[in-house]
Amino acid sequence: MALDLDIDRIRDCVGEGARDKVYPGAVWAVGDRSGNMAFGTQGVLDPDQPDEPMRHDTVFDVEGLTEILAVWSSIGSLVEAGKLHLDEQLGDFWSEVRDHPLGRVSTRHLLTHTAGVPLGTDLLNRHGTDPQDMRGGVLHEALRRPPGATVEYSDRAALVLGYLAEELSGQSLDVLAATGVWQPLGMTRTRYGPLPGEATARCAPTELDDITGARLRGTAHGLPARLLGGVCGTSGVFSVLPDLAAFLRHLLRPGRDGSRPGFGTAWTKESLRTQTGELAPAGGLFWRPAPGAVPGTDDIWEHHASGAAGAWLSPEQGRWAVLLTNTRYYTRDYGSLVPVRDTFRSLAFA
């Protein structure tokens, strides 16, 4: 059965963003758990090369979706394998943080942004330039708030969880995500950067490199990933629309078998429910309720990067959606993207 969508309005919405220079171009898709999918492309890859349009297999720096594609899914695999318990304090099993403030924080605190960890990974380089020094600085810093006191988004949570996943698995985060999640789902074009030459040529460029003055293309613009050699919990992953469609479709499929990754229905179901109690804003485990959801479909959950990508799930409708852009080509002020993203979401789940 085909999806019941107003595809013309979706095309107009996404196309208007390209015409108004919110982004050079975008690709989008809406699908369901059965494999039905509608998708489209608008705009160009690079305004300096106006004859090269966006394509469904354009490679994007997905920025903050790294938190879902690499960290959330890997943590879910560890939880479902019984290697990690969400409410156990980190200091009870992780010697590196045992005698430090982070030792009083639980994995659930980090996933719900109630850990009270410092804000902003842009401060990462204050610990020096050596990756081990930066790791030690992040894991040993004082907390801003007592754990569980308030909901306060910090990308530092994903950084810590990435380190935790590496500690428990004995693998680097890029290897853990690739072998445990991406490869089993057939996500053959999802990987951490820097990208090899062939993939770079198909990659949407982003902002100007402060050092070289050239457009970043195939190298993550997220500072943490660049400081840490390309791989971290907050940014650094590159992907394409077909791979993201496979990932999101998997999250809505019931059950799991041995051919699927180590995170299944139970982890997804647990993540897509309110975990923050009376604290506001409400949130699940790295997923949060979409604002202004269409009446009758209030189970729409989202995770998005500020300027690059957005992903949505609705278990009630059995529907998913994704929007990929290179807004950062024009600006670091993502305010103009918000109405496009909100309208796209409303149309995708109408």
Protein backbone atom coordinates (compact mmCIF):
# COMPACT_ATOMS: atom_id res chain seq x y z
CA MET A 1 0.00 0.00 0.00
CA ALA A 2 1.40 3.40 -1.02
CA LEU A 3 2.02 6.07 1.60
CA ASP A 4 -0.74 8.63 1.99
CA LEU A 5 1.32 11.80 1.54
CA ASP A 6 0.94 15.18 -0.12
CA ILE A 7 4.23 14.79 -1.97
CA ASP A 8 3.79 18.02 -3.94
CA ARG A 9 3.58 20.04 -0.73
CA ILE A 10 6.65 18.29 0.67
CA ARG A 11 8.57 19.08 -2.50
CA ASP A 12 7.45 22.69 -2.35
CA CYS A 13 8.45 22.99 1.31
CA VAL A 14 11.93 21.54 0.82
CA GLY A 15 12.41 23.29 -2.51
CA GLU A 16 11.53 26.66 -1.01
CA GLY A 17 14.34 26.23 1.49
CA ALA A 18 16.79 25.79 -1.38
CA ARG A 19 15.39 28.76 -3.31
CA ASP A 20 15.59 30.97 -0.19
CA LYS A 21 19.20 29.88 0.42
CA VAL A 22 18.46 28.23 3.71
CA TYR A 23 20.66 25.49 2.25
CA PRO A 24 22.12 24.79 -1.21
CA GLY A 25 20.16 21.55 -1.44
CA ALA A 26 18.41 18.80 0.46
CA VAL A 27 17.23 15.22 0.18
CA TRP A 28 14.30 13.75 2.06
CA ALA A 29 12.35 10.55 2.50
CA VAL A 30 9.26 9.30 4.31
CA GLY A 31 8.63 5.59 4.76
CA ASP A 32 6.99 2.90 6.84
CA ARG A 33 7.98 -0.37 8.47
CA SER A 34 6.84 -2.36 5.43
CA GLY A 35 9.36 -0.77 3.11
CA ASN A 36 7.11 1.74 1.35
CA MET A 37 9.01 4.97 0.77
CA ALA A 38 8.65 8.32 -0.96
CA PHE A 39 11.71 10.49 -1.46
CA GLY A 40 12.92 13.57 -3.27
CA THR A 41 15.86 15.85 -3.92
CA GLN A 42 15.92 19.62 -4.22
CA GLY A 43 18.62 22.16 -4.99
CA VAL A 44 22.28 21.67 -5.82
CA LEU A 45 25.27 20.08 -4.16
CA ASP A 46 27.39 23.22 -4.32
CA PRO A 47 26.32 26.70 -5.48
CA ASP A 48 29.75 27.08 -7.10
CA GLN A 49 28.84 24.12 -9.33
CA PRO A 50 25.17 24.85 -10.19
CA ASP A 51 24.97 22.06 -12.79
CA GLU A 52 25.45 19.36 -10.13
CA PRO A 53 22.11 18.63 -8.45
CA MET A 54 21.53 16.93 -5.14
CA ARG A 55 21.04 13.16 -5.57
CA HIS A 56 19.47 10.50 -3.41
CA ASP A 57 22.95 9.06 -2.80
CA THR A 58 24.65 12.36 -1.93
CA VAL A 59 26.89 11.89 1.11
CA PHE A 60 26.16 14.19 4.07
CA ASP A 61 27.99 15.13 7.22
CA VAL A 62 25.09 14.19 9.52
CA GLU A 63 26.48 16.10 12.52
CA GLY A 64 24.44 15.34 15.64
CA LEU A 65 22.73 12.28 14.15
CA THR A 66 26.05 10.65 15.04
CA GLU A 67 24.60 10.47 18.56
CA ILE A 68 21.87 8.12 17.30
CA LEU A 69 23.67 6.23 14.54
CA ALA A 70 26.77 5.43 16.59
CA VAL A 71 26.26 6.08 20.31
CA TRP A 72 22.59 5.36 21.07
CA SER A 73 22.56 2.20 18.97
CA SER A 74 25.86 0.92 20.42
CA ILE A 75 24.73 1.62 23.98
CA GLY A 76 21.50 -0.22 23.20
CA SER A 77 23.47 -3.23 22.04
CA LEU A 78 25.41 -3.27 25.32
CA VAL A 79 22.22 -2.92 27.38
CA GLU A 80 20.43 -5.72 25.57
CA ALA A 81 23.51 -7.94 25.89
CA GLY A 82 23.43 -7.42 29.68
CA LYS A 83 26.80 -5.66 29.70
CA LEU A 84 25.39 -2.32 30.89
CA HIS A 85 22.62 -1.37 33.33
CA LEU A 86 21.04 2.03 32.84
CA ASP A 87 20.66 3.00 36.50
CA GLU A 88 24.02 1.82 37.82
CA GLN A 89 26.33 4.70 38.71
CA LEU A 90 29.32 4.89 36.40
CA GLY A 91 31.76 4.89 39.29
CA ASP A 92 30.53 1.46 40.39
CA PHE A 93 32.01 -0.24 37.34
CA TRP A 94 34.21 2.28 35.50
CA SER A 95 37.45 2.84 37.38
CA GLU A 96 38.41 5.85 35.26
CA VAL A 97 35.61 7.95 36.79
CA ARG A 98 35.25 6.25 40.18
CA ASP A 99 36.78 9.05 42.26
CA HIS A 100 35.46 11.90 40.13
CA PRO A 101 32.11 13.74 39.93
CA LEU A 102 31.04 11.76 36.85
CA GLY A 103 31.14 8.61 38.99
CA ARG A 104 27.79 9.63 40.55
CA VAL A 105 26.10 9.79 37.14
CA SER A 106 24.20 6.89 35.57
CA THR A 107 23.88 5.96 31.90
CA ARG A 108 20.19 6.90 32.07
CA HIS A 109 21.16 10.37 33.31
CA LEU A 110 23.38 10.83 30.27
CA LEU A 111 20.77 9.53 27.83
CA THR A 112 18.08 11.83 29.24
CA HIS A 113 20.36 14.89 29.53
CA THR A 114 19.85 15.00 33.30
CA ALA A 115 23.48 14.21 34.19
CA GLY A 116 24.45 17.82 34.89
CA VAL A 117 27.62 17.49 32.78
CA PRO A 118 29.26 20.66 31.39
CA LEU A 119 27.78 22.18 28.26
CA GLY A 120 29.45 22.31 24.89
CA THR A 121 32.13 20.15 23.34
CA ASP A 122 33.56 23.30 21.76
CA LEU A 123 35.50 23.60 25.03
CA LEU A 124 37.16 20.25 24.43
CA ASN A 125 40.47 21.72 23.30
CA ARG A 126 41.00 23.50 26.61
CA HIS A 127 42.34 20.17 27.87
CA GLY A 128 45.14 20.24 25.31
CA THR A 129 45.48 18.61 21.90
CA ASP A 130 46.39 15.06 22.87
CA PRO A 131 43.31 12.77 22.61
CA GLN A 132 44.10 11.06 25.93
CA ASP A 133 44.46 14.39 27.70
CA MET A 134 41.12 15.51 26.27
CA ARG A 135 39.50 12.26 27.35
CA GLY A 136 40.83 12.65 30.88
CA GLY A 137 39.71 16.26 31.04
CA VAL A 138 36.17 15.42 29.93
CA LEU A 139 35.79 12.44 32.27
CA HIS A 140 37.19 14.24 35.31
CA GLU A 141 35.46 17.63 35.09
CA ALA A 142 33.13 18.95 37.75
CA LEU A 143 29.37 18.72 37.12
CA ARG A 144 27.26 21.81 36.52
CA ARG A 145 24.24 20.39 38.36
CA PRO A 146 23.51 17.43 40.65
CA PRO A 147 22.53 14.34 38.62
CA GLY A 148 18.79 14.16 38.05
CA ALA A 149 18.10 17.78 39.01
CA THR A 150 17.19 19.23 35.63
CA VAL A 151 16.97 18.51 31.91
CA GLU A 152 19.76 20.43 30.21
CA TYR A 153 20.94 19.34 26.78
CA SER A 154 24.69 18.87 26.48
CA ASP A 155 26.49 17.23 23.59
CA ARG A 156 29.08 16.31 26.22
CA ALA A 157 26.73 13.46 27.22
CA ALA A 158 27.23 11.73 23.86
CA LEU A 159 30.98 12.19 24.14
CA VAL A 160 31.02 10.46 27.53
CA LEU A 161 28.75 7.66 26.31
CA GLY A 162 31.02 7.10 23.33
CA TYR A 163 33.96 6.66 25.70
CA LEU A 164 31.85 4.33 27.83
CA ALA A 165 30.89 2.17 24.83
CA GLU A 166 34.55 1.87 23.91
CA GLU A 167 35.49 0.96 27.48
CA LEU A 168 32.90 -1.81 27.77
CA SER A 169 33.34 -3.25 24.28
CA GLY A 170 37.10 -2.98 23.95
CA GLN A 171 36.61 -1.49 20.49
CA SER A 172 36.88 2.00 19.09
CA LEU A 173 33.51 3.64 18.49
CA ASP A 174 33.84 3.60 14.70
CA VAL A 175 34.56 -0.14 14.67
CA LEU A 176 31.85 -0.89 17.22
CA ALA A 177 29.19 1.00 15.27
CA ALA A 178 30.27 -0.38 11.90
CA THR A 179 30.43 -4.04 12.90
CA GLY A 180 27.56 -4.04 15.39
CA VAL A 181 25.05 -1.79 13.62
CA TRP A 182 25.81 -0.44 10.18
CA GLN A 183 27.14 -3.53 8.41
CA PRO A 184 24.37 -5.88 9.65
CA LEU A 185 21.79 -3.40 8.35
CA GLY A 186 23.49 -3.06 4.99
CA MET A 187 24.51 0.56 5.66
CA THR A 188 27.58 0.23 3.47
CA ARG A 189 28.06 3.97 2.88
CA THR A 190 27.85 5.09 6.50
CA ARG A 191 31.19 5.70 8.18
CA TYR A 192 33.24 8.12 10.20
CA GLY A 193 35.42 10.58 8.30
CA PRO A 194 37.67 11.79 6.96
CA LEU A 195 36.26 10.19 3.82
CA PRO A 196 38.33 8.62 1.03
CA GLY A 197 38.52 10.47 -2.27
CA GLU A 198 35.68 8.74 -4.10
CA ALA A 199 33.19 9.34 -1.28
CA THR A 200 34.43 12.91 -0.83
CA ALA A 201 33.54 13.69 -4.44
CA ARG A 202 29.91 12.75 -3.71
CA CYS A 203 29.81 14.66 -0.41
CA ALA A 204 27.84 17.87 0.15
CA PRO A 205 30.29 20.64 1.15
CA THR A 206 29.76 22.58 4.36
CA GLU A 207 31.53 25.55 5.88
CA LEU A 208 34.87 27.16 5.12
CA ASP A 209 37.90 25.69 6.85
CA ASP A 210 39.36 28.35 9.13
CA ILE A 211 42.88 27.20 8.27
CA THR A 212 42.80 26.48 4.53
CA GLY A 213 39.92 28.72 3.48
CA ALA A 214 38.49 25.85 1.41
CA ARG A 215 35.10 24.23 1.84
CA LEU A 216 35.05 21.25 4.17
CA ARG A 217 34.04 18.22 2.15
CA GLY A 218 34.47 14.75 3.52
CA THR A 219 35.93 16.12 6.75
CA ALA A 220 33.56 16.71 9.66
CA HIS A 221 33.02 20.34 10.56
CA GLY A 222 32.22 19.37 14.15
CA LEU A 223 35.20 20.50 16.22
CA PRO A 224 35.22 17.49 18.60
CA ALA A 225 35.49 15.02 15.73
CA ARG A 226 38.26 17.03 14.10
CA LEU A 227 40.20 17.33 17.36
CA LEU A 228 39.85 13.60 18.01
CA GLY A 229 40.94 12.41 14.58
CA GLY A 230 37.48 12.08 13.09
CA VAL A 231 35.80 9.76 15.59
CA CYS A 232 33.78 10.74 18.66
CA GLY A 233 30.30 10.42 20.12
CA THR A 234 28.96 13.81 19.12
CA SER A 235 29.85 14.17 15.45
CA GLY A 236 31.94 12.79 12.62
CA VAL A 237 29.60 10.34 10.88
CA PHE A 238 28.81 10.63 7.17
CA SER A 239 25.86 8.85 5.60
CA VAL A 240 23.44 8.71 2.67
CA LEU A 241 19.67 8.65 2.43
CA PRO A 242 19.30 4.91 1.61
CA ASP A 243 21.37 3.95 4.65
CA LEU A 244 19.36 6.18 6.97
CA ALA A 245 16.15 4.75 5.54
CA ALA A 246 17.36 1.22 6.37
CA PHE A 247 18.29 2.29 9.91
CA LEU A 248 14.98 4.02 10.69
CA ARG A 249 12.91 1.26 9.11
CA HIS A 250 14.68 -1.26 11.33
CA LEU A 251 13.66 0.68 14.45
CA LEU A 252 9.98 0.25 13.60
CA ARG A 253 10.07 -3.43 12.73
CA PRO A 254 8.80 -5.80 15.44
CA GLY A 255 11.07 -8.43 16.89
CA ARG A 256 14.60 -9.28 15.88
CA ASP A 257 16.60 -12.25 14.69
CA GLY A 258 20.24 -13.20 14.51
CA SER A 259 20.78 -11.32 11.25
CA ARG A 260 19.93 -7.98 12.82
CA PRO A 261 22.04 -5.72 15.03
CA GLY A 262 22.21 -6.21 18.77
CA PHE A 263 19.63 -3.52 19.53
CA GLY A 264 16.03 -4.39 18.87
CA THR A 265 12.44 -3.60 19.67
CA ALA A 266 12.87 -3.48 23.45
CA TRP A 267 15.59 -0.81 23.27
CA THR A 268 13.68 1.30 20.77
CA LYS A 269 10.46 1.04 22.77
CA GLU A 270 12.25 2.02 25.98
CA SER A 271 13.88 4.99 24.26
CA LEU A 272 10.64 6.32 22.75
CA ARG A 273 8.84 6.98 26.00
CA THR A 274 9.12 9.83 28.47
CA GLN A 275 11.97 9.16 30.89
CA THR A 276 12.27 12.55 32.58
CA GLY A 277 9.27 12.37 34.96
CA GLU A 278 8.08 15.80 36.05
CA LEU A 279 11.17 17.53 34.69
CA ALA A 280 10.83 19.63 31.55
CA PRO A 281 11.38 19.47 28.68
CA ALA A 282 10.25 15.87 28.43
CA GLY A 283 12.51 13.39 26.75
CA GLY A 284 13.20 9.73 26.11
CA LEU A 285 16.62 8.14 25.72
CA PHE A 286 18.39 10.50 23.30
CA TRP A 287 15.04 10.89 21.49
CA ARG A 288 12.56 13.62 22.36
CA PRO A 289 8.91 14.29 21.54
CA ALA A 290 8.56 16.41 18.43
CA PRO A 291 7.14 19.88 19.16
CA GLY A 292 3.75 20.75 17.73
CA ALA A 293 2.95 17.19 16.71
CA VAL A 294 -0.18 16.72 14.62
CA PRO A 295 -3.24 15.98 16.84
CA GLY A 296 -3.74 12.27 17.21
CA THR A 297 -0.09 11.51 16.43
CA ASP A 298 1.57 12.73 19.60
CA ASP A 299 3.99 9.82 19.61
CA ILE A 300 6.26 11.46 17.02
CA TRP A 301 9.84 11.38 18.30
CA GLU A 302 12.81 13.19 16.84
CA HIS A 303 16.53 13.60 16.91
CA HIS A 304 18.24 16.16 14.76
CA ALA A 305 21.42 18.10 14.26
CA SER A 306 21.17 21.84 14.45
CA GLY A 307 21.84 22.50 10.81
CA ALA A 308 22.31 19.28 8.88
CA ALA A 309 19.83 16.53 9.45
CA GLY A 310 16.63 15.51 11.12
CA ALA A 311 15.14 12.07 11.80
CA TRP A 312 11.66 11.25 13.09
CA LEU A 313 9.84 8.11 14.21
CA SER A 314 6.19 7.40 14.94
CA PRO A 315 5.52 3.90 16.27
CA GLU A 316 1.81 4.73 16.35
CA GLN A 317 1.73 5.40 12.62
CA GLY A 318 4.51 2.96 11.82
CA ARG A 319 6.21 5.77 9.93
CA TRP A 320 9.64 7.36 9.77
CA ALA A 321 11.06 10.43 8.03
CA VAL A 322 14.45 11.98 7.37
CA LEU A 323 15.62 15.33 6.01
CA LEU A 324 19.26 15.95 5.07
CA THR A 325 20.69 19.38 4.21
CA ASN A 326 23.99 21.25 4.09
CA THR A 327 22.68 24.42 5.74
CA ARG A 328 26.11 25.06 7.22
CA TYR A 329 27.35 26.00 3.76
CA TYR A 330 25.68 29.38 4.28
CA THR A 331 25.54 29.97 8.02
CA ARG A 332 25.96 28.71 11.57
CA ASP A 333 22.68 30.42 12.47
CA TYR A 334 20.13 27.69 11.92
CA GLY A 335 17.02 29.72 12.72
CA SER A 336 15.94 29.80 9.09
CA LEU A 337 15.98 25.99 8.95
CA VAL A 338 13.52 25.54 11.80
CA PRO A 339 10.30 26.45 9.90
CA VAL A 340 11.33 24.23 6.97
CA ARG A 341 12.03 21.34 9.30
CA ASP A 342 8.79 21.83 11.24
CA THR A 343 6.68 22.04 8.09
CA PHE A 344 8.37 18.97 6.63
CA ARG A 345 7.68 17.00 9.80
CA SER A 346 4.02 18.04 9.88
CA LEU A 347 3.55 17.00 6.25
CA ALA A 348 5.40 13.72 6.72
CA PHE A 349 3.10 12.66 9.58
CA ALA A 350 -0.17 14.31 8.54
